[in-house]
Amino acid sequence: MGNCDTEFNVKKYSVPAIEYDAWAEHKLQRITKFIEKKLDSYNQPTIVVMEIGHFTLPKDEENLIWADQNVSFANEICKNIIQKYKSKYKIIPTLLVNNLDCDQNNTSQEIINEMLQGKKYINPKSLKIISERNLKNRAFKALKNNSTLTDNFIHIDGKAYLKNDDYQHDLAAGFVNEDGDIIPRCGLILTSFLDLVTKLAKERLHQNENINVLFISFSQLYHEYKRVMLGVDIYSRLHKDITIDPMVFNWSYRQDQCEMSYNPEGTKLWESLNL
């Protein structure tokens, strides 16, 4: 995502000895079991929101290769859900695009059309393409109009951090300008993203309250993965009427890495697994 400091996972990985398809099949089996366990536990209306990837414009070829692989990966997850549960759970696939403006619309649409070609279980009509630029503007307006939101942050050295007695984020959610206003960064941008997609979920279910959102997110870069977690924590603190059940993934085939973070049943504390 734009406007984020680059952070590196200190672990080092070797190039995997197996082909991508075999690697992905192994990960899909494990991930599917976790998803099915979650879906089987729900006793109220639920919708699956899947952030199937995000990419940056101008085009970053390495990022686009990952995004294309992840669309295929997500298509298989959707296939497993649909084949087991039929129409019980609606799925909203989303793509988050950085730096999207009017001049980039045609480019992004061409890229997305290529990614979706032959993907039977991701419905192009249901796909929501979301611009990070718009999310940043939404986050800025929310900060100006919602004192409850701004009160959740502590200012340290010109940055805003989420206050939390149980889990202290070390990632800034925004900058603080000379007037004391918070300028949104990725954590708050992801909060806007969740606000938007939960509204879409309510519209799909024709309900205003008492719904679950199983939020499945995939990130290529470690710092993006951490910021998705921060966005979930900010959103969950502000919205008590909706249960966001997150499964946040950071994977790289080239590094033979697949990590998942989730909230165990009945808690707001993150646990992580290497899959």
Protein backbone atom coordinates (compact mmCIF):
# COMPACT_ATOMS: atom_id res chain seq x y z
CA MET A 1 0.00 0.00 0.00
CA GLY A 2 1.10 3.53 -0.56
CA ASN A 3 2.34 5.86 2.14
CA CYS A 4 3.69 3.04 4.33
CA ASP A 5 7.17 2.58 5.69
CA THR A 6 8.79 -0.53 4.30
CA GLU A 7 9.26 -3.24 6.89
CA PHE A 8 10.94 -6.56 6.38
CA ASN A 9 10.22 -9.94 7.87
CA VAL A 10 13.47 -10.92 9.54
CA LYS A 11 13.04 -14.58 8.61
CA LYS A 12 14.90 -15.83 5.56
CA TYR A 13 13.44 -18.39 3.20
CA SER A 14 14.84 -20.52 0.41
CA VAL A 15 13.24 -20.88 -3.00
CA PRO A 16 10.81 -23.81 -2.78
CA ALA A 17 11.76 -27.05 -4.46
CA ILE A 18 8.20 -27.74 -5.69
CA GLU A 19 6.15 -26.09 -8.40
CA TYR A 20 3.65 -23.37 -7.52
CA ASP A 21 0.57 -25.51 -8.25
CA ALA A 22 1.68 -28.24 -5.83
CA TRP A 23 2.63 -25.64 -3.21
CA ALA A 24 -0.72 -23.89 -3.54
CA GLU A 25 -2.71 -27.14 -3.34
CA HIS A 26 -1.12 -27.98 0.00
CA LYS A 27 -1.89 -24.50 1.38
CA LEU A 28 -5.45 -24.59 0.03
CA GLN A 29 -6.23 -27.80 1.87
CA ARG A 30 -5.17 -26.35 5.21
CA ILE A 31 -6.78 -22.95 4.66
CA THR A 32 -10.06 -24.53 3.54
CA LYS A 33 -10.27 -26.49 6.81
CA PHE A 34 -9.96 -23.29 8.84
CA ILE A 35 -12.59 -21.51 6.73
CA GLU A 36 -15.05 -24.41 6.96
CA LYS A 37 -14.62 -24.59 10.74
CA LYS A 38 -15.48 -20.90 10.99
CA LEU A 39 -18.48 -21.12 8.67
CA ASP A 40 -19.84 -24.16 10.50
CA SER A 41 -19.73 -22.25 13.81
CA TYR A 42 -22.01 -19.38 12.74
CA ASN A 43 -25.65 -19.26 13.80
CA GLN A 44 -26.58 -15.91 12.30
CA PRO A 45 -26.48 -14.35 8.82
CA THR A 46 -22.92 -14.32 7.48
CA ILE A 47 -21.23 -13.02 4.40
CA VAL A 48 -17.69 -13.76 3.20
CA VAL A 49 -15.67 -10.71 2.16
CA MET A 50 -12.49 -11.69 0.38
CA GLU A 51 -9.72 -9.22 -0.36
CA ILE A 52 -8.29 -11.32 -3.16
CA GLY A 53 -5.34 -9.03 -3.65
CA HIS A 54 -4.12 -5.53 -4.21
CA PHE A 55 -1.76 -4.09 -6.74
CA THR A 56 -0.08 -0.80 -7.46
CA LEU A 57 -0.22 1.47 -10.49
CA PRO A 58 1.98 2.21 -12.39
CA LYS A 59 2.32 -1.50 -12.98
CA ASP A 60 4.77 -3.43 -10.80
CA GLU A 61 5.38 -6.67 -12.69
CA GLU A 62 6.36 -8.72 -9.63
CA ASN A 63 3.30 -7.54 -7.75
CA LEU A 64 1.06 -8.34 -10.74
CA ILE A 65 2.48 -11.88 -10.96
CA TRP A 66 1.62 -12.39 -7.29
CA ALA A 67 -1.83 -10.83 -7.70
CA ASP A 68 -2.57 -13.07 -10.69
CA GLN A 69 -1.52 -16.15 -8.71
CA ASN A 70 -3.62 -15.04 -5.78
CA VAL A 71 -6.75 -14.57 -7.90
CA SER A 72 -6.33 -18.21 -8.96
CA PHE A 73 -5.74 -19.14 -5.31
CA ALA A 74 -8.86 -17.26 -4.18
CA ASN A 75 -10.90 -18.77 -7.01
CA GLU A 76 -10.16 -22.23 -5.61
CA ILE A 77 -11.18 -21.13 -2.11
CA CYS A 78 -14.46 -19.77 -3.51
CA LYS A 79 -14.95 -23.06 -5.37
CA ASN A 80 -14.58 -25.03 -2.13
CA ILE A 81 -17.04 -22.79 -0.26
CA ILE A 82 -19.62 -22.83 -3.03
CA GLN A 83 -19.43 -26.56 -3.63
CA LYS A 84 -19.87 -27.38 0.07
CA TYR A 85 -22.36 -24.70 1.16
CA LYS A 86 -24.14 -23.96 -2.16
CA SER A 87 -25.88 -20.58 -1.82
CA LYS A 88 -25.86 -20.45 2.00
CA TYR A 89 -23.02 -17.94 2.13
CA LYS A 90 -22.67 -15.02 -0.26
CA ILE A 91 -19.14 -14.04 -1.25
CA ILE A 92 -18.02 -10.48 -2.03
CA PRO A 93 -14.62 -10.49 -3.77
CA THR A 94 -12.66 -7.23 -3.68
CA LEU A 95 -9.50 -5.86 -5.23
CA LEU A 96 -7.71 -2.92 -3.61
CA VAL A 97 -5.86 -0.77 -6.14
CA ASN A 98 -3.24 1.81 -5.14
CA ASN A 99 -2.94 5.14 -6.96
CA LEU A 100 -6.10 4.56 -9.01
CA ASP A 101 -7.31 7.71 -10.77
CA CYS A 102 -9.24 8.51 -13.93
CA ASP A 103 -6.15 8.14 -16.12
CA GLN A 104 -5.48 4.65 -14.72
CA ASN A 105 -9.01 3.24 -15.01
CA ASN A 106 -8.53 1.69 -18.43
CA THR A 107 -5.18 0.16 -17.45
CA SER A 108 -6.56 -1.32 -14.26
CA GLN A 109 -9.62 -2.73 -16.01
CA GLU A 110 -7.45 -4.45 -18.62
CA ILE A 111 -5.32 -6.00 -15.86
CA ILE A 112 -8.37 -7.16 -13.92
CA ASN A 113 -10.04 -8.63 -16.99
CA GLU A 114 -6.91 -10.68 -17.67
CA MET A 115 -6.79 -11.87 -14.04
CA LEU A 116 -10.41 -12.98 -14.07
CA GLN A 117 -10.28 -14.79 -17.38
CA GLY A 118 -11.30 -18.41 -16.82
CA LYS A 119 -12.04 -17.88 -13.10
CA LYS A 120 -15.39 -19.64 -12.77
CA TYR A 121 -16.04 -19.00 -9.08
CA ILE A 122 -15.21 -15.30 -8.80
CA ASN A 123 -18.15 -13.48 -10.33
CA PRO A 124 -16.94 -10.35 -12.17
CA LYS A 125 -20.35 -8.75 -11.50
CA SER A 126 -19.81 -9.15 -7.75
CA LEU A 127 -16.19 -7.99 -7.77
CA LYS A 128 -15.68 -4.64 -6.07
CA ILE A 129 -12.67 -2.62 -7.25
CA ILE A 130 -11.73 -0.23 -4.47
CA SER A 131 -9.33 2.69 -4.79
CA GLU A 132 -6.95 3.37 -1.92
CA ARG A 133 -7.10 7.06 -2.77
CA ASN A 134 -10.85 7.13 -2.10
CA LEU A 135 -10.39 5.16 1.11
CA LYS A 136 -7.85 7.67 2.36
CA ASN A 137 -10.31 10.51 1.76
CA ARG A 138 -13.03 8.57 3.59
CA ALA A 139 -10.68 7.99 6.53
CA PHE A 140 -9.77 11.67 6.70
CA LYS A 141 -13.46 12.69 6.79
CA ALA A 142 -14.18 10.08 9.47
CA LEU A 143 -11.39 11.48 11.65
CA LYS A 144 -12.74 15.02 11.29
CA ASN A 145 -16.33 14.03 12.10
CA ASN A 146 -15.90 11.30 14.72
CA SER A 147 -14.33 12.27 18.04
CA THR A 148 -14.74 8.68 19.28
CA LEU A 149 -12.41 7.55 16.51
CA THR A 150 -9.74 10.17 17.21
CA ASP A 151 -9.88 9.49 20.97
CA ASN A 152 -8.65 5.95 20.31
CA PHE A 153 -5.18 7.18 19.36
CA ILE A 154 -2.16 8.37 21.26
CA HIS A 155 0.30 10.79 19.63
CA ILE A 156 3.99 9.97 19.86
CA ASP A 157 6.73 11.75 17.89
CA GLY A 158 4.37 13.04 15.23
CA LYS A 159 2.58 9.73 14.71
CA ALA A 160 -0.76 8.34 15.90
CA TYR A 161 -0.84 4.90 17.50
CA LEU A 162 -3.85 2.85 18.55
CA LYS A 163 -4.36 2.77 22.31
CA ASN A 164 -4.75 -0.80 23.49
CA ASP A 165 -4.17 -2.27 26.93
CA ASP A 166 -4.12 -5.86 25.68
CA TYR A 167 -2.15 -5.59 22.46
CA GLN A 168 0.13 -2.67 21.71
CA HIS A 169 0.52 -2.02 18.02
CA ASP A 170 3.93 -0.73 17.08
CA LEU A 171 2.63 0.49 13.72
CA ALA A 172 1.45 4.05 13.25
CA ALA A 173 -2.10 4.46 11.96
CA GLY A 174 -1.37 7.99 10.76
CA PHE A 175 0.82 11.07 10.92
CA VAL A 176 -0.02 14.02 13.15
CA ASN A 177 0.29 17.47 11.56
CA GLU A 178 1.11 20.78 13.25
CA ASP A 179 -2.57 21.38 14.05
CA GLY A 180 -2.85 18.03 15.82
CA ASP A 181 -4.91 16.44 13.04
CA ILE A 182 -4.27 12.82 12.11
CA ILE A 183 -3.36 12.20 8.47
CA PRO A 184 -4.44 8.62 7.67
CA ARG A 185 -1.95 5.90 6.81
CA CYS A 186 -2.55 2.25 6.02
CA GLY A 187 -4.19 1.14 9.27
CA LEU A 188 -6.86 3.82 8.99
CA ILE A 189 -7.17 3.25 5.26
CA LEU A 190 -7.95 -0.42 5.99
CA THR A 191 -10.50 0.71 8.58
CA SER A 192 -12.26 2.67 5.82
CA PHE A 193 -12.06 -0.39 3.61
CA LEU A 194 -13.79 -2.52 6.25
CA ASP A 195 -16.42 0.15 6.80
CA LEU A 196 -17.17 0.14 3.08
CA VAL A 197 -17.29 -3.63 2.61
CA THR A 198 -19.47 -4.21 5.69
CA LYS A 199 -21.98 -1.76 4.24
CA LEU A 200 -21.87 -3.79 1.03
CA ALA A 201 -22.40 -6.94 3.12
CA LYS A 202 -25.48 -5.47 4.79
CA GLU A 203 -26.88 -4.52 1.40
CA ARG A 204 -26.34 -8.04 0.06
CA LEU A 205 -28.07 -9.57 3.11
CA HIS A 206 -30.75 -6.85 3.26
CA GLN A 207 -30.02 -6.38 6.98
CA ASN A 208 -28.94 -3.49 9.13
CA GLU A 209 -27.54 -5.33 12.15
CA ASN A 210 -26.61 -8.67 13.70
CA ILE A 211 -24.48 -10.07 10.90
CA ASN A 212 -21.12 -11.77 10.76
CA VAL A 213 -18.46 -10.86 8.22
CA LEU A 214 -15.80 -13.49 7.60
CA PHE A 215 -13.02 -11.29 6.27
CA ILE A 216 -10.29 -13.12 4.34
CA SER A 217 -7.34 -10.98 3.29
CA PHE A 218 -4.19 -11.83 1.34
CA SER A 219 -1.00 -9.75 1.36
CA GLN A 220 2.21 -10.23 -0.56
CA LEU A 221 4.33 -8.00 1.67
CA TYR A 222 4.79 -8.39 5.41
CA HIS A 223 4.13 -4.74 6.24
CA GLU A 224 0.82 -4.87 4.32
CA TYR A 225 -0.19 -7.94 6.32
CA LYS A 226 0.49 -6.16 9.62
CA ARG A 227 -1.45 -3.11 8.56
CA VAL A 228 -4.51 -5.19 7.67
CA MET A 229 -4.44 -6.52 11.24
CA LEU A 230 -4.23 -2.96 12.58
CA GLY A 231 -7.20 -1.91 10.42
CA VAL A 232 -9.26 -4.81 11.78
CA ASP A 233 -8.45 -3.83 15.36
CA ILE A 234 -9.43 -0.18 14.81
CA TYR A 235 -12.67 -1.12 13.05
CA SER A 236 -13.67 -3.73 15.64
CA ARG A 237 -13.23 -1.24 18.45
CA LEU A 238 -15.57 1.27 16.81
CA HIS A 239 -18.30 -1.06 15.56
CA LYS A 240 -19.97 -3.30 18.09
CA ASP A 241 -23.01 -4.22 15.96
CA ILE A 242 -21.01 -6.25 13.42
CA THR A 243 -18.69 -9.16 14.09
CA ILE A 244 -15.61 -9.02 11.89
CA ASP A 245 -14.03 -12.45 11.94
CA PRO A 246 -10.63 -12.00 10.28
CA MET A 247 -8.31 -14.45 8.55
CA VAL A 248 -5.31 -12.45 7.40
CA PHE A 249 -2.70 -14.13 5.22
CA ASN A 250 0.81 -13.17 4.19
CA TRP A 251 2.24 -15.49 1.59
CA SER A 252 5.08 -15.70 -0.85
CA TYR A 253 5.61 -18.76 -3.00
CA ARG A 254 9.14 -17.67 -3.84
CA GLN A 255 10.05 -17.53 -0.15
CA ASP A 256 8.05 -20.66 0.70
CA GLN A 257 6.09 -18.70 3.31
CA CYS A 258 2.43 -18.74 4.31
CA GLU A 259 1.41 -17.16 7.62
CA MET A 260 -2.13 -16.70 8.89
CA SER A 261 -3.33 -14.50 11.74
CA TYR A 262 -6.80 -14.83 13.21
CA ASN A 263 -8.84 -14.08 16.34
CA PRO A 264 -9.68 -17.23 18.33
CA GLU A 265 -13.33 -17.69 19.25
CA GLY A 266 -14.54 -15.14 21.77
CA THR A 267 -11.32 -13.08 21.87
CA LYS A 268 -9.89 -9.99 20.21
CA LEU A 269 -6.29 -11.14 20.53
CA TRP A 270 -4.39 -12.26 17.47
CA GLU A 271 -2.85 -15.68 17.08
CA SER A 272 -0.62 -16.65 14.16
CA LEU A 273 0.11 -19.90 12.40
CA ASN A 274 2.65 -20.90 9.77
CA LEU A 275 0.80 -23.02 7.23
